[in-house]
Amino acid sequence: MAVPKGKVSRQRRDKRRSSVWKLTAPNVVKCPNCGAFCMPHRVCKACGQYKGRTVIAVEESK
């Protein structure tokens, strides 16, 4: 036979939900080529290089 669930107190409910909204900031490193900040292991959006090789062509800003 089904039994009703026990009441969950506000304190217990809030303890369970406390860590859900906490996000960590992404790591950021300086590009060795141009010095712009970018995420690690990704192509630099400023210069288009990854590990010393040009991966994407980036247009010069006017």
PDB file of N, CA and C in Angstrom:
ATOM      1  N   MET A   1       0.836  -1.166   0.000  1.00  0.00           N
ATOM      2  CA  MET A   1       0.000   0.000   0.000  1.00  0.00           C
ATOM      3  C   MET A   1       0.894   1.247   0.000  1.00  0.00           C
ATOM      4  N   ALA A   2       0.455   2.279  -0.695  1.00  0.00           N
ATOM      5  CA  ALA A   2       1.252   3.493  -0.806  1.00  0.00           C
ATOM      6  C   ALA A   2       1.262   4.257   0.507  1.00  0.00           C
ATOM      7  N   VAL A   3       2.430   4.808   0.824  1.00  0.00           N
ATOM      8  CA  VAL A   3       2.584   5.577   2.055  1.00  0.00           C
ATOM      9  C   VAL A   3       2.971   7.007   1.654  1.00  0.00           C
ATOM     10  N   PRO A   4       2.345   8.021   2.236  1.00  0.00           N
ATOM     11  CA  PRO A   4       2.716   9.386   1.876  1.00  0.00           C
ATOM     12  C   PRO A   4       4.153   9.707   2.280  1.00  0.00           C
ATOM     13  N   LYS A   5       4.782  10.491   1.474  1.00  0.00           N
ATOM     14  CA  LYS A   5       6.147  10.896   1.777  1.00  0.00           C
ATOM     15  C   LYS A   5       6.150  11.823   2.984  1.00  0.00           C
ATOM     16  N   GLY A   6       7.226  11.757   3.774  1.00  0.00           N
ATOM     17  CA  GLY A   6       7.333  12.637   4.928  1.00  0.00           C
ATOM     18  C   GLY A   6       7.637  14.068   4.489  1.00  0.00           C
ATOM     19  N   LYS A   7       7.261  15.037   5.334  1.00  0.00           N
ATOM     20  CA  LYS A   7       7.500  16.430   5.004  1.00  0.00           C
ATOM     21  C   LYS A   7       8.999  16.718   5.056  1.00  0.00           C
ATOM     22  N   VAL A   8       9.463  17.425   4.039  1.00  0.00           N
ATOM     23  CA  VAL A   8      10.857  17.843   3.996  1.00  0.00           C
ATOM     24  C   VAL A   8      10.909  19.277   4.510  1.00  0.00           C
ATOM     25  N   SER A   9      11.702  19.493   5.548  1.00  0.00           N
ATOM     26  CA  SER A   9      11.781  20.820   6.148  1.00  0.00           C
ATOM     27  C   SER A   9      12.464  21.800   5.196  1.00  0.00           C
ATOM     28  N   ARG A  10      12.258  23.088   5.441  1.00  0.00           N
ATOM     29  CA  ARG A  10      12.884  24.109   4.605  1.00  0.00           C
ATOM     30  C   ARG A  10      14.402  24.018   4.681  1.00  0.00           C
ATOM     31  N   GLN A  11      14.925  23.723   5.846  1.00  0.00           N
ATOM     32  CA  GLN A  11      16.368  23.630   6.015  1.00  0.00           C
ATOM     33  C   GLN A  11      16.947  22.471   5.202  1.00  0.00           C
ATOM     34  N   ARG A  12      16.312  21.326   5.260  1.00  0.00           N
ATOM     35  CA  ARG A  12      16.791  20.162   4.518  1.00  0.00           C
ATOM     36  C   ARG A  12      16.659  20.387   3.011  1.00  0.00           C
ATOM     37  N   ARG A  13      15.550  20.989   2.598  1.00  0.00           N
ATOM     38  CA  ARG A  13      15.342  21.286   1.184  1.00  0.00           C
ATOM     39  C   ARG A  13      16.393  22.265   0.679  1.00  0.00           C
ATOM     40  N   ASP A  14      16.673  23.315   1.451  1.00  0.00           N
ATOM     41  CA  ASP A  14      17.626  24.327   1.026  1.00  0.00           C
ATOM     42  C   ASP A  14      19.057  23.800   1.034  1.00  0.00           C
ATOM     43  N   LYS A  15      19.374  22.896   1.944  1.00  0.00           N
ATOM     44  CA  LYS A  15      20.708  22.286   1.945  1.00  0.00           C
ATOM     45  C   LYS A  15      20.927  21.485   0.667  1.00  0.00           C
ATOM     46  N   ARG A  16      19.892  20.826   0.219  1.00  0.00           N
ATOM     47  CA  ARG A  16      19.995  20.023  -0.991  1.00  0.00           C
ATOM     48  C   ARG A  16      20.182  20.918  -2.219  1.00  0.00           C
ATOM     49  N   ARG A  17      19.534  22.069  -2.237  1.00  0.00           N
ATOM     50  CA  ARG A  17      19.584  22.955  -3.392  1.00  0.00           C
ATOM     51  C   ARG A  17      20.755  23.936  -3.360  1.00  0.00           C
ATOM     52  N   SER A  18      21.516  23.963  -2.306  1.00  0.00           N
ATOM     53  CA  SER A  18      22.497  25.023  -2.109  1.00  0.00           C
ATOM     54  C   SER A  18      23.593  25.046  -3.163  1.00  0.00           C
ATOM     55  N   SER A  19      24.040  23.896  -3.653  1.00  0.00           N
ATOM     56  CA  SER A  19      25.177  23.879  -4.564  1.00  0.00           C
ATOM     57  C   SER A  19      24.767  23.861  -6.028  1.00  0.00           C
ATOM     58  N   VAL A  20      23.494  23.959  -6.329  1.00  0.00           N
ATOM     59  CA  VAL A  20      23.043  23.855  -7.712  1.00  0.00           C
ATOM     60  C   VAL A  20      23.417  25.091  -8.510  1.00  0.00           C
ATOM     61  N   TRP A  21      23.278  26.276  -7.934  1.00  0.00           N
ATOM     62  CA  TRP A  21      23.462  27.510  -8.684  1.00  0.00           C
ATOM     63  C   TRP A  21      24.907  27.976  -8.749  1.00  0.00           C
ATOM     64  N   LYS A  22      25.808  27.375  -7.971  1.00  0.00           N
ATOM     65  CA  LYS A  22      27.186  27.849  -7.937  1.00  0.00           C
ATOM     66  C   LYS A  22      27.933  27.368  -9.179  1.00  0.00           C
ATOM     67  N   LEU A  23      28.370  28.312  -9.982  1.00  0.00           N
ATOM     68  CA  LEU A  23      29.111  27.990 -11.189  1.00  0.00           C
ATOM     69  C   LEU A  23      30.546  28.458 -11.035  1.00  0.00           C
ATOM     70  N   THR A  24      31.470  27.764 -11.677  1.00  0.00           N
ATOM     71  CA  THR A  24      32.863  28.167 -11.628  1.00  0.00           C
ATOM     72  C   THR A  24      33.186  28.958 -12.896  1.00  0.00           C
ATOM     73  N   ALA A  25      34.019  29.944 -12.748  1.00  0.00           N
ATOM     74  CA  ALA A  25      34.430  30.749 -13.900  1.00  0.00           C
ATOM     75  C   ALA A  25      35.350  29.916 -14.781  1.00  0.00           C
ATOM     76  N   PRO A  26      35.256  30.066 -16.100  1.00  0.00           N
ATOM     77  CA  PRO A  26      36.135  29.297 -16.981  1.00  0.00           C
ATOM     78  C   PRO A  26      37.580  29.749 -16.829  1.00  0.00           C
ATOM     79  N   ASN A  27      38.500  28.821 -16.999  1.00  0.00           N
ATOM     80  CA  ASN A  27      39.917  29.154 -16.937  1.00  0.00           C
ATOM     81  C   ASN A  27      40.290  29.983 -18.160  1.00  0.00           C
ATOM     82  N   VAL A  28      41.161  30.940 -17.960  1.00  0.00           N
ATOM     83  CA  VAL A  28      41.588  31.815 -19.042  1.00  0.00           C
ATOM     84  C   VAL A  28      43.114  31.883 -19.020  1.00  0.00           C
ATOM     85  N   VAL A  29      43.727  31.754 -20.196  1.00  0.00           N
ATOM     86  CA  VAL A  29      45.177  31.842 -20.314  1.00  0.00           C
ATOM     87  C   VAL A  29      45.523  32.877 -21.381  1.00  0.00           C
ATOM     88  N   LYS A  30      46.755  33.361 -21.355  1.00  0.00           N
ATOM     89  CA  LYS A  30      47.205  34.302 -22.374  1.00  0.00           C
ATOM     90  C   LYS A  30      47.707  33.531 -23.580  1.00  0.00           C
ATOM     91  N   CYS A  31      47.359  34.029 -24.740  1.00  0.00           N
ATOM     92  CA  CYS A  31      47.833  33.429 -25.989  1.00  0.00           C
ATOM     93  C   CYS A  31      49.338  33.707 -26.112  1.00  0.00           C
ATOM     94  N   PRO A  32      50.159  32.681 -26.374  1.00  0.00           N
ATOM     95  CA  PRO A  32      51.599  32.923 -26.480  1.00  0.00           C
ATOM     96  C   PRO A  32      51.976  33.755 -27.702  1.00  0.00           C
ATOM     97  N   ASN A  33      51.100  33.801 -28.706  1.00  0.00           N
ATOM     98  CA  ASN A  33      51.411  34.550 -29.924  1.00  0.00           C
ATOM     99  C   ASN A  33      51.057  36.031 -29.799  1.00  0.00           C
ATOM    100  N   CYS A  34      49.813  36.340 -29.432  1.00  0.00           N
ATOM    101  CA  CYS A  34      49.368  37.736 -29.435  1.00  0.00           C
ATOM    102  C   CYS A  34      49.133  38.300 -28.035  1.00  0.00           C
ATOM    103  N   GLY A  35      49.074  37.452 -27.019  1.00  0.00           N
ATOM    104  CA  GLY A  35      48.884  37.932 -25.656  1.00  0.00           C
ATOM    105  C   GLY A  35      47.436  38.144 -25.258  1.00  0.00           C
ATOM    106  N   ALA A  36      46.507  37.849 -26.145  1.00  0.00           N
ATOM    107  CA  ALA A  36      45.087  38.001 -25.821  1.00  0.00           C
ATOM    108  C   ALA A  36      44.657  36.862 -24.905  1.00  0.00           C
ATOM    109  N   PHE A  37      43.631  37.090 -24.101  1.00  0.00           N
ATOM    110  CA  PHE A  37      43.129  36.047 -23.222  1.00  0.00           C
ATOM    111  C   PHE A  37      42.190  35.131 -23.989  1.00  0.00           C
ATOM    112  N   CYS A  38      42.381  33.819 -23.822  1.00  0.00           N
ATOM    113  CA  CYS A  38      41.510  32.835 -24.468  1.00  0.00           C
ATOM    114  C   CYS A  38      41.441  31.603 -23.580  1.00  0.00           C
ATOM    115  N   MET A  39      40.494  30.728 -23.878  1.00  0.00           N
ATOM    116  CA  MET A  39      40.341  29.512 -23.100  1.00  0.00           C
ATOM    117  C   MET A  39      41.428  28.510 -23.504  1.00  0.00           C
ATOM    118  N   PRO A  40      41.911  27.700 -22.560  1.00  0.00           N
ATOM    119  CA  PRO A  40      42.979  26.757 -22.895  1.00  0.00           C
ATOM    120  C   PRO A  40      42.509  25.665 -23.852  1.00  0.00           C
ATOM    121  N   HIS A  41      43.412  25.195 -24.674  1.00  0.00           N
ATOM    122  CA  HIS A  41      43.166  24.129 -25.650  1.00  0.00           C
ATOM    123  C   HIS A  41      42.127  24.522 -26.684  1.00  0.00           C
ATOM    124  N   ARG A  42      42.081  25.807 -27.019  1.00  0.00           N
ATOM    125  CA  ARG A  42      41.165  26.300 -28.037  1.00  0.00           C
ATOM    126  C   ARG A  42      41.945  27.264 -28.944  1.00  0.00           C
ATOM    127  N   VAL A  43      41.431  27.460 -30.143  1.00  0.00           N
ATOM    128  CA  VAL A  43      42.046  28.403 -31.072  1.00  0.00           C
ATOM    129  C   VAL A  43      41.819  29.819 -30.556  1.00  0.00           C
ATOM    130  N   CYS A  44      42.849  30.645 -30.633  1.00  0.00           N
ATOM    131  CA  CYS A  44      42.731  32.036 -30.205  1.00  0.00           C
ATOM    132  C   CYS A  44      41.884  32.788 -31.222  1.00  0.00           C
ATOM    133  N   LYS A  45      40.853  33.479 -30.747  1.00  0.00           N
ATOM    134  CA  LYS A  45      39.972  34.209 -31.661  1.00  0.00           C
ATOM    135  C   LYS A  45      40.619  35.483 -32.174  1.00  0.00           C
ATOM    136  N   ALA A  46      41.606  35.998 -31.455  1.00  0.00           N
ATOM    137  CA  ALA A  46      42.245  37.244 -31.861  1.00  0.00           C
ATOM    138  C   ALA A  46      43.222  37.029 -33.018  1.00  0.00           C
ATOM    139  N   CYS A  47      44.038  35.968 -32.936  1.00  0.00           N
ATOM    140  CA  CYS A  47      45.052  35.765 -33.979  1.00  0.00           C
ATOM    141  C   CYS A  47      44.814  34.504 -34.814  1.00  0.00           C
ATOM    142  N   GLY A  48      43.982  33.584 -34.354  1.00  0.00           N
ATOM    143  CA  GLY A  48      43.661  32.387 -35.132  1.00  0.00           C
ATOM    144  C   GLY A  48      44.698  31.290 -35.050  1.00  0.00           C
ATOM    145  N   GLN A  49      45.562  31.331 -34.042  1.00  0.00           N
ATOM    146  CA  GLN A  49      46.603  30.307 -33.934  1.00  0.00           C
ATOM    147  C   GLN A  49      46.334  29.354 -32.786  1.00  0.00           C
ATOM    148  N   TYR A  50      46.831  28.124 -32.939  1.00  0.00           N
ATOM    149  CA  TYR A  50      46.776  27.112 -31.894  1.00  0.00           C
ATOM    150  C   TYR A  50      48.058  26.314 -31.963  1.00  0.00           C
ATOM    151  N   LYS A  51      48.783  26.269 -30.854  1.00  0.00           N
ATOM    152  CA  LYS A  51      50.077  25.575 -30.761  1.00  0.00           C
ATOM    153  C   LYS A  51      51.049  26.038 -31.839  1.00  0.00           C
ATOM    154  N   GLY A  52      51.079  27.341 -32.088  1.00  0.00           N
ATOM    155  CA  GLY A  52      52.042  27.900 -33.027  1.00  0.00           C
ATOM    156  C   GLY A  52      51.679  27.770 -34.487  1.00  0.00           C
ATOM    157  N   ARG A  53      50.526  27.184 -34.797  1.00  0.00           N
ATOM    158  CA  ARG A  53      50.107  27.032 -36.181  1.00  0.00           C
ATOM    159  C   ARG A  53      48.873  27.889 -36.432  1.00  0.00           C
ATOM    160  N   THR A  54      48.792  28.468 -37.630  1.00  0.00           N
ATOM    161  CA  THR A  54      47.615  29.243 -37.991  1.00  0.00           C
ATOM    162  C   THR A  54      46.512  28.271 -38.395  1.00  0.00           C
ATOM    163  N   VAL A  55      45.420  28.288 -37.663  1.00  0.00           N
ATOM    164  CA  VAL A  55      44.327  27.350 -37.886  1.00  0.00           C
ATOM    165  C   VAL A  55      43.192  28.033 -38.646  1.00  0.00           C
ATOM    166  N   ILE A  56      42.882  29.271 -38.276  1.00  0.00           N
ATOM    167  CA  ILE A  56      41.832  30.007 -38.981  1.00  0.00           C
ATOM    168  C   ILE A  56      42.403  31.361 -39.395  1.00  0.00           C
ATOM    169  N   ALA A  57      41.916  31.840 -40.518  1.00  0.00           N
ATOM    170  CA  ALA A  57      42.342  33.155 -41.005  1.00  0.00           C
ATOM    171  C   ALA A  57      41.483  34.217 -40.335  1.00  0.00           C
ATOM    172  N   VAL A  58      42.138  35.176 -39.679  1.00  0.00           N
ATOM    173  CA  VAL A  58      41.434  36.247 -38.990  1.00  0.00           C
ATOM    174  C   VAL A  58      41.679  37.536 -39.732  1.00  0.00           C
ATOM    175  N   GLU A  59      40.605  38.262 -40.040  1.00  0.00           N
ATOM    176  CA  GLU A  59      40.750  39.529 -40.749  1.00  0.00           C
ATOM    177  C   GLU A  59      41.293  40.601 -39.816  1.00  0.00           C
ATOM    178  N   GLU A  60      42.129  41.466 -40.338  1.00  0.00           N
ATOM    179  CA  GLU A  60      42.678  42.574 -39.561  1.00  0.00           C
ATOM    180  C   GLU A  60      41.576  43.599 -39.334  1.00  0.00           C
ATOM    181  N   SER A  61      41.500  44.142 -38.120  1.00  0.00           N
ATOM    182  CA  SER A  61      40.513  45.182 -37.859  1.00  0.00           C
ATOM    183  C   SER A  61      40.988  46.508 -38.432  1.00  0.00           C
ATOM    184  N   LYS A  62      40.030  47.327 -38.897  1.00  0.00           N
ATOM    185  CA  LYS A  62      40.400  48.577 -39.549  1.00  0.00           C
ATOM    186  C   LYS A  62      40.785  49.644 -38.574  1.00  0.00           C
TER     187      LYS A  62
END
